All heavy atoms as atom14 arrays in JSON, in Angstrom:
{
  "sequence": "KKEHKEYYQKLIENPENNTLSQAALETLAIIAYNQPITRVEIDEMRGV",
  "atom14_mask": [
    [1, 1, 1, 1, 1, 1, 1, 1, 1, 0, 0, 0, 0, 0],
    [1, 1, 1, 1, 1, 1, 1, 1, 1, 0, 0, 0, 0, 0],
    [1, 1, 1, 1, 1, 1, 1, 1, 1, 0, 0, 0, 0, 0],
    [1, 1, 1, 1, 1, 1, 1, 1, 1, 1, 0, 0, 0, 0],
    [1, 1, 1, 1, 1, 1, 1, 1, 1, 0, 0, 0, 0, 0],
    [1, 1, 1, 1, 1, 1, 1, 1, 1, 0, 0, 0, 0, 0],
    [1, 1, 1, 1, 1, 1, 1, 1, 1, 1, 1, 1, 0, 0],
    [1, 1, 1, 1, 1, 1, 1, 1, 1, 1, 1, 1, 0, 0],
    [1, 1, 1, 1, 1, 1, 1, 1, 1, 0, 0, 0, 0, 0],
    [1, 1, 1, 1, 1, 1, 1, 1, 1, 0, 0, 0, 0, 0],
    [1, 1, 1, 1, 1, 1, 1, 1, 0, 0, 0, 0, 0, 0],
    [1, 1, 1, 1, 1, 1, 1, 1, 0, 0, 0, 0, 0, 0],
    [1, 1, 1, 1, 1, 1, 1, 1, 1, 0, 0, 0, 0, 0],
    [1, 1, 1, 1, 1, 1, 1, 1, 0, 0, 0, 0, 0, 0],
    [1, 1, 1, 1, 1, 1, 1, 0, 0, 0, 0, 0, 0, 0],
    [1, 1, 1, 1, 1, 1, 1, 1, 1, 0, 0, 0, 0, 0],
    [1, 1, 1, 1, 1, 1, 1, 1, 0, 0, 0, 0, 0, 0],
    [1, 1, 1, 1, 1, 1, 1, 1, 0, 0, 0, 0, 0, 0],
    [1, 1, 1, 1, 1, 1, 1, 0, 0, 0, 0, 0, 0, 0],
    [1, 1, 1, 1, 1, 1, 1, 1, 0, 0, 0, 0, 0, 0],
    [1, 1, 1, 1, 1, 1, 0, 0, 0, 0, 0, 0, 0, 0],
    [1, 1, 1, 1, 1, 1, 1, 1, 1, 0, 0, 0, 0, 0],
    [1, 1, 1, 1, 1, 0, 0, 0, 0, 0, 0, 0, 0, 0],
    [1, 1, 1, 1, 1, 0, 0, 0, 0, 0, 0, 0, 0, 0],
    [1, 1, 1, 1, 1, 1, 1, 1, 0, 0, 0, 0, 0, 0],
    [1, 1, 1, 1, 1, 1, 1, 1, 1, 0, 0, 0, 0, 0],
    [1, 1, 1, 1, 1, 1, 1, 0, 0, 0, 0, 0, 0, 0],
    [1, 1, 1, 1, 1, 1, 1, 1, 0, 0, 0, 0, 0, 0],
    [1, 1, 1, 1, 1, 0, 0, 0, 0, 0, 0, 0, 0, 0],
    [1, 1, 1, 1, 1, 1, 1, 1, 0, 0, 0, 0, 0, 0],
    [1, 1, 1, 1, 1, 1, 1, 1, 0, 0, 0, 0, 0, 0],
    [1, 1, 1, 1, 1, 0, 0, 0, 0, 0, 0, 0, 0, 0],
    [1, 1, 1, 1, 1, 1, 1, 1, 1, 1, 1, 1, 0, 0],
    [1, 1, 1, 1, 1, 1, 1, 1, 0, 0, 0, 0, 0, 0],
    [1, 1, 1, 1, 1, 1, 1, 1, 1, 0, 0, 0, 0, 0],
    [1, 1, 1, 1, 1, 1, 1, 0, 0, 0, 0, 0, 0, 0],
    [1, 1, 1, 1, 1, 1, 1, 1, 0, 0, 0, 0, 0, 0],
    [1, 1, 1, 1, 1, 1, 1, 0, 0, 0, 0, 0, 0, 0],
    [1, 1, 1, 1, 1, 1, 1, 1, 1, 1, 1, 0, 0, 0],
    [1, 1, 1, 1, 1, 1, 1, 0, 0, 0, 0, 0, 0, 0],
    [1, 1, 1, 1, 1, 1, 1, 1, 1, 0, 0, 0, 0, 0],
    [1, 1, 1, 1, 1, 1, 1, 1, 0, 0, 0, 0, 0, 0],
    [1, 1, 1, 1, 1, 1, 1, 1, 0, 0, 0, 0, 0, 0],
    [1, 1, 1, 1, 1, 1, 1, 1, 1, 0, 0, 0, 0, 0],
    [1, 1, 1, 1, 1, 1, 1, 1, 0, 0, 0, 0, 0, 0],
    [1, 1, 1, 1, 1, 1, 1, 1, 1, 1, 1, 0, 0, 0],
    [1, 1, 1, 1, 0, 0, 0, 0, 0, 0, 0, 0, 0, 0],
    [1, 1, 1, 1, 1, 1, 1, 0, 0, 0, 0, 0, 0, 0]
  ],
  "atom14_positions": [
    [[0.84, -1.19, 0.0], [0.0, 0.0, 0.0], [0.87, 1.25, 0.0], [1.85, 1.33, 0.74], [-0.93, 0.0, 1.21], [-1.99, -1.09, 1.12], [-2.97, -0.99, 2.26], [-4.09, -1.98, 2.08], [-5.06, -1.93, 3.18], [0.0, 0.0, 0.0], [0.0, 0.0, 0.0], [0.0, 0.0, 0.0], [0.0, 0.0, 0.0], [0.0, 0.0, 0.0]],
    [[0.5, 2.22, -0.82], [1.27, 3.45, -0.96], [1.36, 4.22, 0.35], [2.36, 4.86, 0.63], [0.66, 4.34, -2.04], [0.84, 3.78, -3.42], [0.2, 4.66, -4.47], [0.36, 4.0, -5.83], [-0.36, 4.7, -6.87], [0.0, 0.0, 0.0], [0.0, 0.0, 0.0], [0.0, 0.0, 0.0], [0.0, 0.0, 0.0], [0.0, 0.0, 0.0]],
    [[0.32, 4.14, 1.16], [0.32, 4.9, 2.42], [1.35, 4.38, 3.43], [1.62, 5.03, 4.43], [-1.09, 4.96, 3.04], [-1.74, 3.63, 3.29], [-2.63, 3.15, 2.15], [-2.4, 3.52, 0.99], [-3.56, 2.39, 2.44], [0.0, 0.0, 0.0], [0.0, 0.0, 0.0], [0.0, 0.0, 0.0], [0.0, 0.0, 0.0], [0.0, 0.0, 0.0]],
    [[1.95, 3.22, 3.16], [2.97, 2.65, 4.05], [4.38, 2.86, 3.51], [5.35, 2.36, 4.07], [2.73, 1.16, 4.25], [1.39, 0.83, 4.83], [0.82, -0.41, 4.71], [0.5, 1.58, 5.52], [-0.36, -0.41, 5.3], [-0.58, 0.79, 5.8], [0.0, 0.0, 0.0], [0.0, 0.0, 0.0], [0.0, 0.0, 0.0], [0.0, 0.0, 0.0]],
    [[4.51, 3.62, 2.43], [5.78, 3.78, 1.72], [6.92, 4.23, 2.63], [8.04, 3.72, 2.52], [5.59, 4.79, 0.59], [6.84, 5.03, -0.21], [6.62, 6.06, -1.3], [7.92, 6.33, -2.01], [7.75, 7.34, -3.05], [0.0, 0.0, 0.0], [0.0, 0.0, 0.0], [0.0, 0.0, 0.0], [0.0, 0.0, 0.0], [0.0, 0.0, 0.0]],
    [[6.66, 5.18, 3.54], [7.74, 5.7, 4.38], [8.38, 4.6, 5.23], [9.57, 4.61, 5.49], [7.25, 6.84, 5.27], [6.26, 6.41, 6.34], [5.78, 7.54, 7.21], [6.5, 7.9, 8.17], [4.69, 8.07, 6.92], [0.0, 0.0, 0.0], [0.0, 0.0, 0.0], [0.0, 0.0, 0.0], [0.0, 0.0, 0.0], [0.0, 0.0, 0.0]],
    [[7.61, 3.6, 5.64], [8.14, 2.51, 6.46], [8.99, 1.56, 5.61], [10.02, 1.07, 6.07], [7.0, 1.74, 7.14], [6.19, 2.64, 8.03], [4.96, 3.13, 7.63], [6.68, 3.03, 9.28], [4.22, 3.97, 8.45], [5.95, 3.87, 10.11], [4.73, 4.34, 9.69], [4.01, 5.18, 10.49], [0.0, 0.0, 0.0], [0.0, 0.0, 0.0]],
    [[8.56, 1.32, 4.38], [9.34, 0.45, 3.49], [10.66, 1.12, 3.13], [11.69, 0.46, 3.03], [8.55, 0.12, 2.22], [7.18, -0.47, 2.5], [6.06, -0.05, 1.8], [7.0, -1.42, 3.49], [4.8, -0.58, 2.06], [5.75, -1.95, 3.76], [4.66, -1.52, 3.05], [3.42, -2.04, 3.3], [0.0, 0.0, 0.0], [0.0, 0.0, 0.0]],
    [[10.62, 2.44, 2.99], [11.84, 3.21, 2.69], [12.83, 3.08, 3.85], [14.02, 2.91, 3.63], [11.49, 4.68, 2.43], [12.62, 5.45, 1.8], [12.94, 4.97, 0.4], [12.06, 4.56, -0.36], [14.21, 4.99, 0.06], [0.0, 0.0, 0.0], [0.0, 0.0, 0.0], [0.0, 0.0, 0.0], [0.0, 0.0, 0.0], [0.0, 0.0, 0.0]],
    [[12.33, 3.15, 5.09], [13.2, 3.0, 6.26], [13.84, 1.62, 6.28], [15.0, 1.47, 6.65], [12.41, 3.21, 7.55], [12.03, 4.64, 7.82], [11.22, 4.74, 9.11], [10.7, 6.13, 9.35], [9.86, 6.2, 10.55], [0.0, 0.0, 0.0], [0.0, 0.0, 0.0], [0.0, 0.0, 0.0], [0.0, 0.0, 0.0], [0.0, 0.0, 0.0]],
    [[13.08, 0.61, 5.89], [13.61, -0.75, 5.84], [14.77, -0.85, 4.87], [15.82, -1.42, 5.18], [12.5, -1.72, 5.43], [12.91, -3.18, 5.23], [13.28, -3.8, 6.57], [11.81, -3.95, 4.56], [0.0, 0.0, 0.0], [0.0, 0.0, 0.0], [0.0, 0.0, 0.0], [0.0, 0.0, 0.0], [0.0, 0.0, 0.0], [0.0, 0.0, 0.0]],
    [[14.63, -0.23, 3.72], [15.68, -0.28, 2.71], [16.91, 0.5, 3.14], [18.04, 0.09, 2.93], [15.14, 0.24, 1.36], [14.11, -0.73, 0.82], [16.26, 0.45, 0.36], [13.31, -0.19, -0.35], [0.0, 0.0, 0.0], [0.0, 0.0, 0.0], [0.0, 0.0, 0.0], [0.0, 0.0, 0.0], [0.0, 0.0, 0.0], [0.0, 0.0, 0.0]],
    [[16.69, 1.65, 3.79], [17.79, 2.53, 4.16], [18.49, 2.12, 5.45], [19.56, 2.61, 5.75], [17.27, 3.97, 4.3], [16.83, 4.55, 2.98], [16.12, 5.88, 3.13], [15.86, 6.31, 4.27], [15.81, 6.5, 2.1], [0.0, 0.0, 0.0], [0.0, 0.0, 0.0], [0.0, 0.0, 0.0], [0.0, 0.0, 0.0], [0.0, 0.0, 0.0]],
    [[17.9, 1.22, 6.23], [18.47, 0.78, 7.51], [19.79, 0.06, 7.26], [19.82, -0.96, 6.57], [17.47, -0.14, 8.22], [17.94, -0.55, 9.58], [19.1, -0.41, 9.94], [17.03, -1.1, 10.35], [0.0, 0.0, 0.0], [0.0, 0.0, 0.0], [0.0, 0.0, 0.0], [0.0, 0.0, 0.0], [0.0, 0.0, 0.0], [0.0, 0.0, 0.0]],
    [[20.91, 0.54, 7.84], [22.21, -0.09, 7.62], [22.26, -1.55, 8.04], [22.98, -2.34, 7.46], [23.18, 0.74, 8.48], [22.47, 1.99, 8.8], [21.0, 1.71, 8.69], [0.0, 0.0, 0.0], [0.0, 0.0, 0.0], [0.0, 0.0, 0.0], [0.0, 0.0, 0.0], [0.0, 0.0, 0.0], [0.0, 0.0, 0.0], [0.0, 0.0, 0.0]],
    [[21.45, -1.94, 9.04], [21.44, -3.33, 9.47], [20.87, -4.25, 8.4], [21.14, -5.44, 8.38], [20.61, -3.47, 10.75], [21.23, -2.78, 11.94], [20.32, -2.82, 13.16], [19.34, -3.57, 13.17], [20.61, -2.09, 14.11], [0.0, 0.0, 0.0], [0.0, 0.0, 0.0], [0.0, 0.0, 0.0], [0.0, 0.0, 0.0], [0.0, 0.0, 0.0]],
    [[20.07, -3.69, 7.49], [19.46, -4.49, 6.43], [20.24, -4.4, 5.13], [19.77, -4.83, 4.1], [18.02, -4.01, 6.19], [17.15, -4.24, 7.38], [17.32, -5.2, 8.1], [16.22, -3.33, 7.62], [0.0, 0.0, 0.0], [0.0, 0.0, 0.0], [0.0, 0.0, 0.0], [0.0, 0.0, 0.0], [0.0, 0.0, 0.0], [0.0, 0.0, 0.0]],
    [[21.42, -3.81, 5.16], [22.18, -3.6, 3.94], [23.15, -4.73, 3.6], [24.02, -4.55, 2.76], [22.91, -2.26, 3.98], [21.99, -1.12, 3.66], [20.94, -1.32, 3.06], [22.35, 0.08, 4.07], [0.0, 0.0, 0.0], [0.0, 0.0, 0.0], [0.0, 0.0, 0.0], [0.0, 0.0, 0.0], [0.0, 0.0, 0.0], [0.0, 0.0, 0.0]],
    [[23.03, -5.85, 4.27], [23.85, -6.98, 3.88], [23.27, -7.59, 2.61], [22.07, -7.55, 2.38], [23.9, -8.05, 5.0], [22.57, -8.47, 5.28], [24.55, -7.48, 6.25], [0.0, 0.0, 0.0], [0.0, 0.0, 0.0], [0.0, 0.0, 0.0], [0.0, 0.0, 0.0], [0.0, 0.0, 0.0], [0.0, 0.0, 0.0], [0.0, 0.0, 0.0]],
    [[24.12, -8.14, 1.78], [23.69, -8.72, 0.52], [23.7, -10.24, 0.6], [24.68, -10.83, 1.06], [24.61, -8.25, -0.61], [24.59, -6.75, -0.9], [25.67, -6.4, -1.92], [23.23, -6.32, -1.4], [0.0, 0.0, 0.0], [0.0, 0.0, 0.0], [0.0, 0.0, 0.0], [0.0, 0.0, 0.0], [0.0, 0.0, 0.0], [0.0, 0.0, 0.0]],
    [[22.63, -10.85, 0.13], [22.54, -12.31, 0.09], [23.45, -12.85, -1.01], [23.93, -12.1, -1.87], [21.1, -12.72, -0.2], [20.74, -12.33, -1.52], [0.0, 0.0, 0.0], [0.0, 0.0, 0.0], [0.0, 0.0, 0.0], [0.0, 0.0, 0.0], [0.0, 0.0, 0.0], [0.0, 0.0, 0.0], [0.0, 0.0, 0.0], [0.0, 0.0, 0.0]],
    [[23.66, -14.15, -0.98], [24.48, -14.79, -2.01], [23.85, -14.56, -3.38], [24.55, -14.26, -4.36], [24.6, -16.29, -1.73], [25.49, -17.03, -2.72], [26.94, -16.6, -2.66], [27.45, -16.26, -1.6], [27.62, -16.62, -3.79], [0.0, 0.0, 0.0], [0.0, 0.0, 0.0], [0.0, 0.0, 0.0], [0.0, 0.0, 0.0], [0.0, 0.0, 0.0]],
    [[22.52, -14.66, -3.47], [21.83, -14.44, -4.73], [22.03, -13.0, -5.23], [22.23, -12.77, -6.42], [20.34, -14.74, -4.57], [0.0, 0.0, 0.0], [0.0, 0.0, 0.0], [0.0, 0.0, 0.0], [0.0, 0.0, 0.0], [0.0, 0.0, 0.0], [0.0, 0.0, 0.0], [0.0, 0.0, 0.0], [0.0, 0.0, 0.0], [0.0, 0.0, 0.0]],
    [[21.98, -12.03, -4.32], [22.18, -10.63, -4.69], [23.61, -10.42, -5.18], [23.84, -9.7, -6.16], [21.86, -9.71, -3.52], [0.0, 0.0, 0.0], [0.0, 0.0, 0.0], [0.0, 0.0, 0.0], [0.0, 0.0, 0.0], [0.0, 0.0, 0.0], [0.0, 0.0, 0.0], [0.0, 0.0, 0.0], [0.0, 0.0, 0.0], [0.0, 0.0, 0.0]],
    [[24.58, -11.04, -4.51], [25.97, -10.91, -4.94], [26.19, -11.52, -6.32], [26.9, -10.96, -7.16], [26.91, -11.56, -3.91], [27.06, -10.8, -2.59], [27.81, -11.65, -1.58], [27.75, -9.47, -2.81], [0.0, 0.0, 0.0], [0.0, 0.0, 0.0], [0.0, 0.0, 0.0], [0.0, 0.0, 0.0], [0.0, 0.0, 0.0], [0.0, 0.0, 0.0]],
    [[25.57, -12.68, -6.57], [25.68, -13.32, -7.87], [25.08, -12.43, -8.96], [25.67, -12.24, -10.02], [24.96, -14.68, -7.88], [25.64, -15.74, -7.08], [24.81, -17.01, -6.96], [23.78, -17.14, -7.67], [25.16, -17.86, -6.14], [0.0, 0.0, 0.0], [0.0, 0.0, 0.0], [0.0, 0.0, 0.0], [0.0, 0.0, 0.0], [0.0, 0.0, 0.0]],
    [[23.92, -11.86, -8.66], [23.25, -10.98, -9.61], [24.1, -9.74, -9.88], [24.27, -9.33, -11.03], [21.86, -10.59, -9.09], [21.11, -11.79, -8.85], [21.12, -9.73, -10.09], [0.0, 0.0, 0.0], [0.0, 0.0, 0.0], [0.0, 0.0, 0.0], [0.0, 0.0, 0.0], [0.0, 0.0, 0.0], [0.0, 0.0, 0.0], [0.0, 0.0, 0.0]],
    [[24.66, -9.16, -8.83], [25.54, -7.99, -8.99], [26.76, -8.33, -9.85], [27.16, -7.53, -10.7], [26.02, -7.51, -7.62], [25.24, -6.39, -6.97], [25.8, -6.1, -5.59], [25.22, -5.15, -7.82], [0.0, 0.0, 0.0], [0.0, 0.0, 0.0], [0.0, 0.0, 0.0], [0.0, 0.0, 0.0], [0.0, 0.0, 0.0], [0.0, 0.0, 0.0]],
    [[27.34, -9.49, -9.63], [28.52, -9.89, -10.42], [28.15, -10.03, -11.89], [28.89, -9.57, -12.77], [29.09, -11.2, -9.88], [0.0, 0.0, 0.0], [0.0, 0.0, 0.0], [0.0, 0.0, 0.0], [0.0, 0.0, 0.0], [0.0, 0.0, 0.0], [0.0, 0.0, 0.0], [0.0, 0.0, 0.0], [0.0, 0.0, 0.0], [0.0, 0.0, 0.0]],
    [[27.01, -10.63, -12.16], [26.56, -10.79, -13.56], [26.38, -9.43, -14.21], [26.82, -9.2, -15.33], [25.27, -11.64, -13.62], [25.59, -13.09, -13.28], [24.62, -11.53, -14.99], [24.38, -13.97, -13.06], [0.0, 0.0, 0.0], [0.0, 0.0, 0.0], [0.0, 0.0, 0.0], [0.0, 0.0, 0.0], [0.0, 0.0, 0.0], [0.0, 0.0, 0.0]],
    [[25.75, -8.51, -13.48], [25.53, -7.17, -14.03], [26.87, -6.46, -14.23], [27.12, -5.87, -15.29], [24.6, -6.35, -13.11], [23.21, -6.98, -13.09], [24.53, -4.9, -13.57], [22.3, -6.43, -12.0], [0.0, 0.0, 0.0], [0.0, 0.0, 0.0], [0.0, 0.0, 0.0], [0.0, 0.0, 0.0], [0.0, 0.0, 0.0], [0.0, 0.0, 0.0]],
    [[27.73, -6.51, -13.23], [29.01, -5.8, -13.3], [29.86, -6.26, -14.48], [30.47, -5.44, -15.17], [29.79, -5.98, -11.99], [0.0, 0.0, 0.0], [0.0, 0.0, 0.0], [0.0, 0.0, 0.0], [0.0, 0.0, 0.0], [0.0, 0.0, 0.0], [0.0, 0.0, 0.0], [0.0, 0.0, 0.0], [0.0, 0.0, 0.0], [0.0, 0.0, 0.0]],
    [[29.9, -7.56, -14.74], [30.75, -8.08, -15.8], [30.09, -8.06, -17.18], [30.78, -8.25, -18.18], [31.2, -9.51, -15.48], [32.32, -9.55, -14.47], [32.06, -9.81, -13.13], [33.64, -9.32, -14.85], [33.08, -9.84, -12.19], [34.67, -9.35, -13.92], [34.38, -9.61, -12.6], [35.41, -9.63, -11.68], [0.0, 0.0, 0.0], [0.0, 0.0, 0.0]],
    [[28.77, -7.86, -17.24], [28.07, -7.93, -18.53], [27.25, -6.69, -18.84], [26.42, -6.71, -19.73], [27.15, -9.16, -18.54], [27.91, -10.43, -18.38], [28.55, -10.91, -19.3], [27.88, -11.0, -17.17], [0.0, 0.0, 0.0], [0.0, 0.0, 0.0], [0.0, 0.0, 0.0], [0.0, 0.0, 0.0], [0.0, 0.0, 0.0], [0.0, 0.0, 0.0]],
    [[27.43, -5.61, -18.09], [26.58, -4.43, -18.26], [26.82, -3.73, -19.59], [27.93, -3.78, -20.09], [26.78, -3.47, -17.1], [28.17, -2.95, -16.89], [28.26, -2.16, -15.59], [27.38, -1.4, -15.24], [29.34, -2.36, -14.85], [0.0, 0.0, 0.0], [0.0, 0.0, 0.0], [0.0, 0.0, 0.0], [0.0, 0.0, 0.0], [0.0, 0.0, 0.0]],
    [[25.78, -3.11, -20.14], [24.39, -3.16, -19.7], [23.76, -4.49, -20.08], [24.11, -5.09, -21.09], [23.74, -2.0, -20.45], [24.54, -1.86, -21.7], [25.95, -2.27, -21.33], [0.0, 0.0, 0.0], [0.0, 0.0, 0.0], [0.0, 0.0, 0.0], [0.0, 0.0, 0.0], [0.0, 0.0, 0.0], [0.0, 0.0, 0.0], [0.0, 0.0, 0.0]],
    [[22.81, -4.94, -19.27], [22.21, -6.26, -19.43], [20.74, -6.21, -19.03], [20.37, -5.43, -18.16], [23.01, -7.3, -18.59], [22.53, -8.72, -18.84], [22.97, -6.94, -17.12], [23.45, -9.79, -18.24], [0.0, 0.0, 0.0], [0.0, 0.0, 0.0], [0.0, 0.0, 0.0], [0.0, 0.0, 0.0], [0.0, 0.0, 0.0], [0.0, 0.0, 0.0]],
    [[19.92, -7.03, -19.68], [18.49, -7.07, -19.37], [18.24, -8.09, -18.25], [19.06, -8.97, -17.99], [17.64, -7.48, -20.58], [17.96, -8.84, -20.93], [17.89, -6.56, -21.77], [0.0, 0.0, 0.0], [0.0, 0.0, 0.0], [0.0, 0.0, 0.0], [0.0, 0.0, 0.0], [0.0, 0.0, 0.0], [0.0, 0.0, 0.0], [0.0, 0.0, 0.0]],
    [[17.07, -7.97, -17.61], [16.7, -8.91, -16.55], [16.59, -10.33, -17.11], [17.0, -11.28, -16.46], [15.39, -8.51, -15.88], [15.04, -9.43, -14.7], [13.71, -9.12, -14.09], [12.61, -9.19, -15.0], [11.98, -10.32, -15.34], [12.36, -11.47, -14.86], [10.97, -10.29, -16.18], [0.0, 0.0, 0.0], [0.0, 0.0, 0.0], [0.0, 0.0, 0.0]],
    [[16.08, -10.46, -18.32], [15.93, -11.79, -18.92], [17.3, -12.44, -19.11], [17.47, -13.63, -18.85], [15.16, -11.7, -20.26], [15.18, -13.01, -21.0], [13.73, -11.23, -20.02], [0.0, 0.0, 0.0], [0.0, 0.0, 0.0], [0.0, 0.0, 0.0], [0.0, 0.0, 0.0], [0.0, 0.0, 0.0], [0.0, 0.0, 0.0], [0.0, 0.0, 0.0]],
    [[18.29, -11.66, -19.53], [19.64, -12.2, -19.7], [20.22, -12.61, -18.35], [20.9, -13.65, -18.25], [20.53, -11.16, -20.38], [20.15, -10.91, -21.83], [20.86, -9.71, -22.44], [21.04, -8.69, -21.75], [21.22, -9.8, -23.64], [0.0, 0.0, 0.0], [0.0, 0.0, 0.0], [0.0, 0.0, 0.0], [0.0, 0.0, 0.0], [0.0, 0.0, 0.0]],
    [[19.95, -11.83, -17.31], [20.41, -12.2, -15.97], [19.74, -13.49, -15.54], [20.39, -14.4, -15.02], [20.12, -11.06, -14.96], [20.86, -9.78, -15.34], [20.49, -11.5, -13.54], [20.37, -8.54, -14.59], [0.0, 0.0, 0.0], [0.0, 0.0, 0.0], [0.0, 0.0, 0.0], [0.0, 0.0, 0.0], [0.0, 0.0, 0.0], [0.0, 0.0, 0.0]],
    [[18.43, -13.58, -15.76], [17.66, -14.79, -15.4], [18.25, -16.02, -16.1], [18.38, -17.08, -15.5], [16.19, -14.64, -15.79], [15.44, -13.61, -14.98], [16.0, -13.09, -13.99], [14.27, -13.32, -15.32], [0.0, 0.0, 0.0], [0.0, 0.0, 0.0], [0.0, 0.0, 0.0], [0.0, 0.0, 0.0], [0.0, 0.0, 0.0], [0.0, 0.0, 0.0]],
    [[18.6, -15.87, -17.38], [19.16, -16.99, -18.14], [20.5, -17.43, -17.55], [20.78, -18.62, -17.46], [19.32, -16.61, -19.61], [18.01, -16.55, -20.35], [18.16, -16.02, -21.78], [19.3, -15.72, -22.21], [17.11, -15.91, -22.45], [0.0, 0.0, 0.0], [0.0, 0.0, 0.0], [0.0, 0.0, 0.0], [0.0, 0.0, 0.0], [0.0, 0.0, 0.0]],
    [[21.32, -16.48, -17.16], [22.64, -16.82, -16.6], [22.51, -17.49, -15.23], [23.26, -18.41, -14.93], [23.51, -15.57, -16.49], [24.0, -15.08, -17.81], [25.12, -13.69, -17.55], [25.47, -13.24, -19.23], [0.0, 0.0, 0.0], [0.0, 0.0, 0.0], [0.0, 0.0, 0.0], [0.0, 0.0, 0.0], [0.0, 0.0, 0.0], [0.0, 0.0, 0.0]],
    [[21.59, -17.0, -14.4], [21.43, -17.55, -13.05], [20.52, -18.77, -13.05], [20.56, -19.57, -12.12], [20.87, -16.5, -12.09], [21.91, -15.48, -11.71], [21.64, -14.8, -10.39], [21.7, -15.71, -9.27], [20.72, -15.87, -8.39], [19.6, -15.18, -8.48], [20.84, -16.71, -7.4], [0.0, 0.0, 0.0], [0.0, 0.0, 0.0], [0.0, 0.0, 0.0]],
    [[19.64, -18.88, -14.04], [18.73, -20.02, -14.1], [17.49, -19.85, -13.24], [16.73, -20.8, -13.07], [0.0, 0.0, 0.0], [0.0, 0.0, 0.0], [0.0, 0.0, 0.0], [0.0, 0.0, 0.0], [0.0, 0.0, 0.0], [0.0, 0.0, 0.0], [0.0, 0.0, 0.0], [0.0, 0.0, 0.0], [0.0, 0.0, 0.0], [0.0, 0.0, 0.0]],
    [[17.28, -18.67, -12.67], [16.1, -18.38, -11.86], [15.66, -16.94, -12.11], [16.44, -16.13, -12.62], [16.36, -18.55, -10.34], [16.67, -19.99, -9.99], [17.48, -17.66, -9.86], [0.0, 0.0, 0.0], [0.0, 0.0, 0.0], [0.0, 0.0, 0.0], [0.0, 0.0, 0.0], [0.0, 0.0, 0.0], [0.0, 0.0, 0.0], [0.0, 0.0, 0.0]]
  ]
}
């Protein structure tokens, strides 16, 4: 819901929540080495 946006923003900006999962790191690596790249191409490389 749009009326809850400020709380979701706090969640994203909270330093405690800024750790990256293995999946996020893999996705970042694919983007970094193949940029610019589409989401479909990333999906094909990761298989999910």
